[in-house]
């Protein structure tokens, strides 16, 4: 499964064969997504910047699984809402490039509303 469409179809099949599609409303999926994101954050809570960048193998595996859960719920939510994630991401990057011009933001963490 190297392509997003392959993963999306496998997730559709997974939910359908278990008769779970009835539970996969955008509301429920987005709530599950945020719960998984919170579980990811728990792994980094109280770590230093260096510790967060150098996780031990067992912690790295746990983080990998949380990231996978987030991706799964994101793909399912987008599928239910008929959102092309790759196209949406491309459009958002282009929008961010306009909001954050290099000459105004290079090396700065300011939000676009704080720029000169």
N, C-alpha and C. Protein backbone atom coordinates (compact mmCIF):
# COMPACT_ATOMS: atom_id res chain seq x y z
N UNK A 1 0.84 -1.19 0.00
CA UNK A 1 0.00 0.00 0.00
C UNK A 1 0.88 1.24 0.00
N UNK A 2 1.23 1.68 -1.17
CA UNK A 2 2.11 2.83 -1.26
C UNK A 2 1.36 4.12 -1.60
N UNK A 3 0.12 3.98 -2.00
CA UNK A 3 -0.63 5.15 -2.43
C UNK A 3 -1.80 5.42 -1.49
N UNK A 4 -2.12 6.67 -1.35
CA UNK A 4 -3.21 7.07 -0.48
C UNK A 4 -4.52 6.41 -0.88
N UNK A 5 -4.77 6.29 -2.17
CA UNK A 5 -6.01 5.66 -2.64
C UNK A 5 -6.08 4.20 -2.21
N UNK A 6 -4.95 3.50 -2.22
CA UNK A 6 -4.92 2.11 -1.77
C UNK A 6 -5.28 2.01 -0.29
N UNK A 7 -4.72 2.90 0.51
CA UNK A 7 -5.01 2.90 1.94
C UNK A 7 -6.48 3.23 2.17
N UNK A 8 -6.98 4.23 1.45
CA UNK A 8 -8.38 4.63 1.60
C UNK A 8 -9.30 3.45 1.29
N UNK A 9 -9.02 2.72 0.23
CA UNK A 9 -9.86 1.58 -0.14
C UNK A 9 -9.75 0.46 0.89
N UNK A 10 -8.56 0.22 1.38
CA UNK A 10 -8.40 -0.82 2.40
C UNK A 10 -9.16 -0.46 3.67
N UNK A 11 -9.15 0.81 4.05
CA UNK A 11 -9.90 1.26 5.22
C UNK A 11 -11.40 1.15 4.99
N UNK A 12 -11.86 1.47 3.77
CA UNK A 12 -13.28 1.30 3.44
C UNK A 12 -13.67 -0.16 3.62
N UNK A 13 -12.86 -1.05 3.06
CA UNK A 13 -13.14 -2.48 3.14
C UNK A 13 -13.12 -2.98 4.58
N UNK A 14 -12.15 -2.51 5.33
CA UNK A 14 -12.01 -2.89 6.74
C UNK A 14 -13.27 -2.54 7.52
N UNK A 15 -13.74 -1.31 7.33
CA UNK A 15 -14.94 -0.85 8.04
C UNK A 15 -16.18 -1.58 7.54
N UNK A 16 -16.29 -1.77 6.24
CA UNK A 16 -17.47 -2.41 5.67
C UNK A 16 -17.61 -3.86 6.13
N UNK A 17 -16.54 -4.61 6.12
CA UNK A 17 -16.64 -6.02 6.50
C UNK A 17 -16.97 -6.20 7.97
N UNK A 18 -16.72 -5.20 8.77
CA UNK A 18 -17.02 -5.26 10.20
C UNK A 18 -18.34 -4.55 10.53
N UNK A 19 -18.97 -4.02 9.48
CA UNK A 19 -20.20 -3.23 9.62
C UNK A 19 -20.00 -2.05 10.57
N UNK A 20 -18.86 -1.41 10.44
CA UNK A 20 -18.53 -0.25 11.25
C UNK A 20 -18.80 1.07 10.53
N UNK A 21 -19.08 0.98 9.23
CA UNK A 21 -19.29 2.21 8.47
C UNK A 21 -20.42 3.04 9.08
N UNK A 22 -21.37 2.39 9.69
CA UNK A 22 -22.49 3.08 10.32
C UNK A 22 -22.03 4.01 11.45
N UNK A 23 -20.88 3.74 12.01
CA UNK A 23 -20.35 4.55 13.11
C UNK A 23 -19.37 5.62 12.63
N UNK A 24 -18.99 5.54 11.36
CA UNK A 24 -17.94 6.42 10.84
C UNK A 24 -18.50 7.70 10.22
N UNK A 25 -19.20 8.45 11.03
CA UNK A 25 -19.66 9.77 10.59
C UNK A 25 -18.48 10.74 10.69
N UNK A 26 -18.51 11.83 9.95
CA UNK A 26 -17.44 12.82 10.10
C UNK A 26 -17.26 13.27 11.55
N UNK A 27 -18.37 13.43 12.27
CA UNK A 27 -18.28 13.84 13.67
C UNK A 27 -17.51 12.81 14.50
N UNK A 28 -17.90 11.56 14.39
CA UNK A 28 -17.24 10.51 15.17
C UNK A 28 -15.79 10.32 14.78
N UNK A 29 -15.54 10.36 13.48
CA UNK A 29 -14.16 10.18 13.02
C UNK A 29 -13.27 11.35 13.46
N UNK A 30 -13.80 12.57 13.42
CA UNK A 30 -12.98 13.71 13.83
C UNK A 30 -12.73 13.68 15.34
N UNK A 31 -13.70 13.18 16.10
CA UNK A 31 -13.49 13.03 17.54
C UNK A 31 -12.42 11.97 17.82
N UNK A 32 -12.46 10.87 17.08
CA UNK A 32 -11.45 9.83 17.24
C UNK A 32 -10.07 10.35 16.84
N UNK A 33 -10.04 11.17 15.79
CA UNK A 33 -8.79 11.76 15.32
C UNK A 33 -8.14 12.62 16.40
N UNK A 34 -8.92 13.46 17.04
CA UNK A 34 -8.36 14.34 18.06
C UNK A 34 -7.94 13.55 19.29
N UNK A 35 -8.66 12.48 19.60
CA UNK A 35 -8.26 11.62 20.72
C UNK A 35 -6.91 10.96 20.44
N UNK A 36 -6.71 10.52 19.21
CA UNK A 36 -5.42 9.91 18.85
C UNK A 36 -4.31 10.95 18.86
N UNK A 37 -4.61 12.17 18.43
CA UNK A 37 -3.61 13.24 18.47
C UNK A 37 -3.20 13.53 19.92
N UNK A 38 -4.17 13.49 20.82
CA UNK A 38 -3.86 13.68 22.24
C UNK A 38 -2.97 12.55 22.77
N UNK A 39 -3.22 11.34 22.31
CA UNK A 39 -2.37 10.21 22.72
C UNK A 39 -0.95 10.39 22.21
N UNK A 40 -0.79 10.97 21.03
CA UNK A 40 0.54 11.26 20.51
C UNK A 40 1.24 12.28 21.41
N UNK A 41 0.54 13.32 21.77
CA UNK A 41 1.11 14.38 22.60
C UNK A 41 1.59 13.83 23.95
N UNK A 42 0.86 12.88 24.50
CA UNK A 42 1.24 12.29 25.78
C UNK A 42 2.66 11.73 25.76
N UNK A 43 3.06 11.20 24.63
CA UNK A 43 4.41 10.61 24.53
C UNK A 43 5.52 11.67 24.66
N UNK A 44 5.18 12.92 24.35
CA UNK A 44 6.19 13.98 24.38
C UNK A 44 6.07 14.90 25.59
N UNK A 45 4.98 14.74 26.33
CA UNK A 45 4.77 15.59 27.50
C UNK A 45 5.94 15.44 28.47
N UNK A 46 6.47 16.53 28.89
CA UNK A 46 7.53 16.64 29.88
C UNK A 46 8.92 16.27 29.35
N UNK A 47 9.04 15.95 28.07
CA UNK A 47 10.36 15.68 27.51
C UNK A 47 11.02 17.00 27.11
N UNK A 48 12.33 17.00 27.11
CA UNK A 48 13.05 18.15 26.59
C UNK A 48 13.00 18.09 25.06
N UNK A 49 13.41 19.17 24.42
CA UNK A 49 13.48 19.17 22.96
C UNK A 49 14.38 18.04 22.46
N UNK A 50 15.53 17.88 23.11
CA UNK A 50 16.47 16.84 22.70
C UNK A 50 15.89 15.45 22.91
N UNK A 51 15.25 15.22 24.05
CA UNK A 51 14.65 13.91 24.31
C UNK A 51 13.55 13.60 23.29
N UNK A 52 12.77 14.61 22.93
CA UNK A 52 11.69 14.39 21.97
C UNK A 52 12.21 14.04 20.58
N UNK A 53 13.41 14.49 20.26
CA UNK A 53 14.01 14.20 18.96
C UNK A 53 14.79 12.89 18.96
N UNK A 54 15.02 12.31 20.12
CA UNK A 54 15.83 11.10 20.24
C UNK A 54 15.13 10.06 21.11
N UNK A 55 13.99 9.61 20.65
CA UNK A 55 13.20 8.66 21.42
C UNK A 55 13.87 7.28 21.45
N UNK A 56 13.78 6.59 22.58
CA UNK A 56 14.27 5.21 22.61
C UNK A 56 13.41 4.34 21.68
N UNK A 57 13.94 3.22 21.22
CA UNK A 57 13.22 2.40 20.23
C UNK A 57 11.79 2.02 20.63
N UNK A 58 11.56 1.65 21.87
CA UNK A 58 10.21 1.25 22.28
C UNK A 58 9.24 2.44 22.22
N UNK A 59 9.70 3.60 22.64
CA UNK A 59 8.86 4.81 22.59
C UNK A 59 8.63 5.24 21.14
N UNK A 60 9.65 5.09 20.32
CA UNK A 60 9.53 5.43 18.90
C UNK A 60 8.45 4.57 18.24
N UNK A 61 8.41 3.30 18.57
CA UNK A 61 7.40 2.39 18.03
C UNK A 61 6.01 2.82 18.46
N UNK A 62 5.86 3.20 19.72
CA UNK A 62 4.56 3.67 20.21
C UNK A 62 4.12 4.94 19.49
N UNK A 63 5.05 5.86 19.28
CA UNK A 63 4.75 7.10 18.56
C UNK A 63 4.36 6.79 17.12
N UNK A 64 5.08 5.86 16.51
CA UNK A 64 4.76 5.44 15.14
C UNK A 64 3.32 4.93 15.05
N UNK A 65 2.90 4.15 16.02
CA UNK A 65 1.53 3.63 16.02
C UNK A 65 0.50 4.73 16.21
N UNK A 66 0.80 5.71 17.04
CA UNK A 66 -0.13 6.83 17.22
C UNK A 66 -0.24 7.64 15.93
N UNK A 67 0.88 7.85 15.27
CA UNK A 67 0.86 8.57 14.00
C UNK A 67 0.04 7.81 12.96
N UNK A 68 0.17 6.50 12.95
CA UNK A 68 -0.62 5.68 12.03
C UNK A 68 -2.11 5.82 12.34
N UNK A 69 -2.47 5.79 13.62
CA UNK A 69 -3.87 5.96 14.00
C UNK A 69 -4.40 7.31 13.52
N UNK A 70 -3.61 8.35 13.69
CA UNK A 70 -4.00 9.69 13.25
C UNK A 70 -4.22 9.70 11.74
N UNK A 71 -3.30 9.10 11.01
CA UNK A 71 -3.42 9.06 9.56
C UNK A 71 -4.66 8.28 9.14
N UNK A 72 -4.92 7.17 9.78
CA UNK A 72 -6.09 6.35 9.45
C UNK A 72 -7.37 7.15 9.65
N UNK A 73 -7.51 7.80 10.79
CA UNK A 73 -8.73 8.59 11.03
C UNK A 73 -8.81 9.80 10.11
N UNK A 74 -7.69 10.38 9.77
CA UNK A 74 -7.68 11.51 8.84
C UNK A 74 -8.16 11.07 7.46
N UNK A 75 -7.64 9.95 7.00
CA UNK A 75 -8.04 9.43 5.69
C UNK A 75 -9.52 9.07 5.68
N UNK A 76 -10.00 8.42 6.73
CA UNK A 76 -11.42 8.05 6.79
C UNK A 76 -12.31 9.29 6.82
N UNK A 77 -11.92 10.30 7.58
CA UNK A 77 -12.71 11.53 7.65
C UNK A 77 -12.75 12.21 6.29
N UNK A 78 -11.62 12.32 5.65
CA UNK A 78 -11.57 12.94 4.33
C UNK A 78 -12.40 12.15 3.32
N UNK A 79 -12.33 10.83 3.41
CA UNK A 79 -13.12 9.98 2.51
C UNK A 79 -14.61 10.24 2.71
N UNK A 80 -15.05 10.30 3.94
CA UNK A 80 -16.47 10.54 4.23
C UNK A 80 -16.93 11.91 3.73
N UNK A 81 -16.03 12.87 3.73
CA UNK A 81 -16.37 14.23 3.31
C UNK A 81 -15.99 14.51 1.85
N UNK A 82 -15.52 13.46 1.16
CA UNK A 82 -15.11 13.58 -0.24
C UNK A 82 -14.07 14.68 -0.44
N UNK A 83 -13.06 14.65 0.42
CA UNK A 83 -11.95 15.60 0.34
C UNK A 83 -10.73 14.86 -0.21
N UNK A 84 -10.15 15.41 -1.26
CA UNK A 84 -8.90 14.89 -1.80
C UNK A 84 -7.77 15.46 -0.94
N UNK A 85 -7.23 14.65 -0.05
CA UNK A 85 -6.23 15.14 0.90
C UNK A 85 -4.99 15.70 0.23
N UNK A 86 -4.52 15.03 -0.80
CA UNK A 86 -3.30 15.51 -1.46
C UNK A 86 -3.54 16.86 -2.14
N UNK A 87 -4.68 17.01 -2.78
CA UNK A 87 -5.02 18.29 -3.41
C UNK A 87 -5.23 19.37 -2.35
N UNK A 88 -5.93 19.01 -1.28
CA UNK A 88 -6.16 19.97 -0.20
C UNK A 88 -4.84 20.43 0.42
N UNK A 89 -3.92 19.49 0.62
CA UNK A 89 -2.61 19.85 1.19
C UNK A 89 -1.84 20.75 0.24
N UNK A 90 -1.88 20.44 -1.04
CA UNK A 90 -1.19 21.27 -2.02
C UNK A 90 -1.75 22.69 -2.01
N UNK A 91 -3.06 22.81 -1.98
CA UNK A 91 -3.70 24.14 -1.94
C UNK A 91 -3.34 24.89 -0.66
N UNK A 92 -3.30 24.17 0.45
CA UNK A 92 -2.97 24.82 1.73
C UNK A 92 -1.53 25.29 1.76
N UNK A 93 -0.62 24.49 1.21
CA UNK A 93 0.78 24.91 1.14
C UNK A 93 0.90 26.17 0.30
N UNK A 94 0.22 26.21 -0.84
CA UNK A 94 0.26 27.39 -1.70
C UNK A 94 -0.30 28.61 -0.97
N UNK A 95 -1.37 28.42 -0.22
CA UNK A 95 -1.96 29.52 0.56
C UNK A 95 -0.97 30.00 1.62
N UNK A 96 -0.32 29.06 2.30
CA UNK A 96 0.68 29.42 3.33
C UNK A 96 1.87 30.15 2.72
N UNK A 97 2.25 29.77 1.52
CA UNK A 97 3.35 30.47 0.85
C UNK A 97 3.00 31.93 0.61
N UNK A 98 1.73 32.20 0.30
CA UNK A 98 1.31 33.60 0.12
C UNK A 98 1.21 34.33 1.46
N UNK A 99 0.72 33.64 2.49
CA UNK A 99 0.56 34.26 3.81
C UNK A 99 1.90 34.51 4.49
N UNK A 100 2.87 33.68 4.17
CA UNK A 100 4.17 33.76 4.83
C UNK A 100 5.29 33.94 3.79
N UNK A 101 5.39 35.15 3.21
CA UNK A 101 6.45 35.38 2.22
C UNK A 101 7.83 35.30 2.88
N UNK A 102 8.75 34.69 2.17
CA UNK A 102 10.09 34.43 2.71
C UNK A 102 10.73 35.70 3.26
N UNK A 103 10.62 36.80 2.52
CA UNK A 103 11.29 38.03 2.94
C UNK A 103 10.75 38.60 4.26
N UNK A 104 9.56 38.15 4.67
CA UNK A 104 8.98 38.65 5.92
C UNK A 104 9.07 37.66 7.07
N UNK A 105 9.25 36.40 6.78
CA UNK A 105 9.16 35.40 7.85
C UNK A 105 10.42 34.56 8.06
N UNK A 106 11.37 34.69 7.21
CA UNK A 106 12.56 33.83 7.30
C UNK A 106 13.19 33.95 8.69
N UNK A 107 13.27 32.81 9.38
CA UNK A 107 13.87 32.77 10.71
C UNK A 107 12.97 33.25 11.83
N UNK A 108 11.70 33.52 11.53
CA UNK A 108 10.76 34.04 12.53
C UNK A 108 9.64 33.03 12.76
N UNK A 109 9.15 32.98 13.98
CA UNK A 109 8.02 32.10 14.30
C UNK A 109 6.72 32.88 14.46
N UNK A 110 6.72 34.15 14.06
CA UNK A 110 5.52 34.98 14.18
C UNK A 110 4.40 34.48 13.27
N UNK A 111 3.19 34.64 13.75
CA UNK A 111 2.02 34.31 12.95
C UNK A 111 1.84 35.40 11.89
N UNK A 112 1.19 35.06 10.78
CA UNK A 112 1.03 36.00 9.68
C UNK A 112 0.34 37.29 10.13
N UNK A 113 -0.52 37.22 11.14
CA UNK A 113 -1.21 38.41 11.63
C UNK A 113 -0.28 39.35 12.41
N UNK A 114 0.90 38.87 12.76
CA UNK A 114 1.86 39.68 13.51
C UNK A 114 2.95 40.29 12.61
N UNK A 115 2.87 40.03 11.33
CA UNK A 115 3.91 40.53 10.41
C UNK A 115 3.68 42.00 10.09
N UNK A 116 4.77 42.65 9.70
CA UNK A 116 4.70 44.09 9.33
C UNK A 116 3.79 44.30 8.15
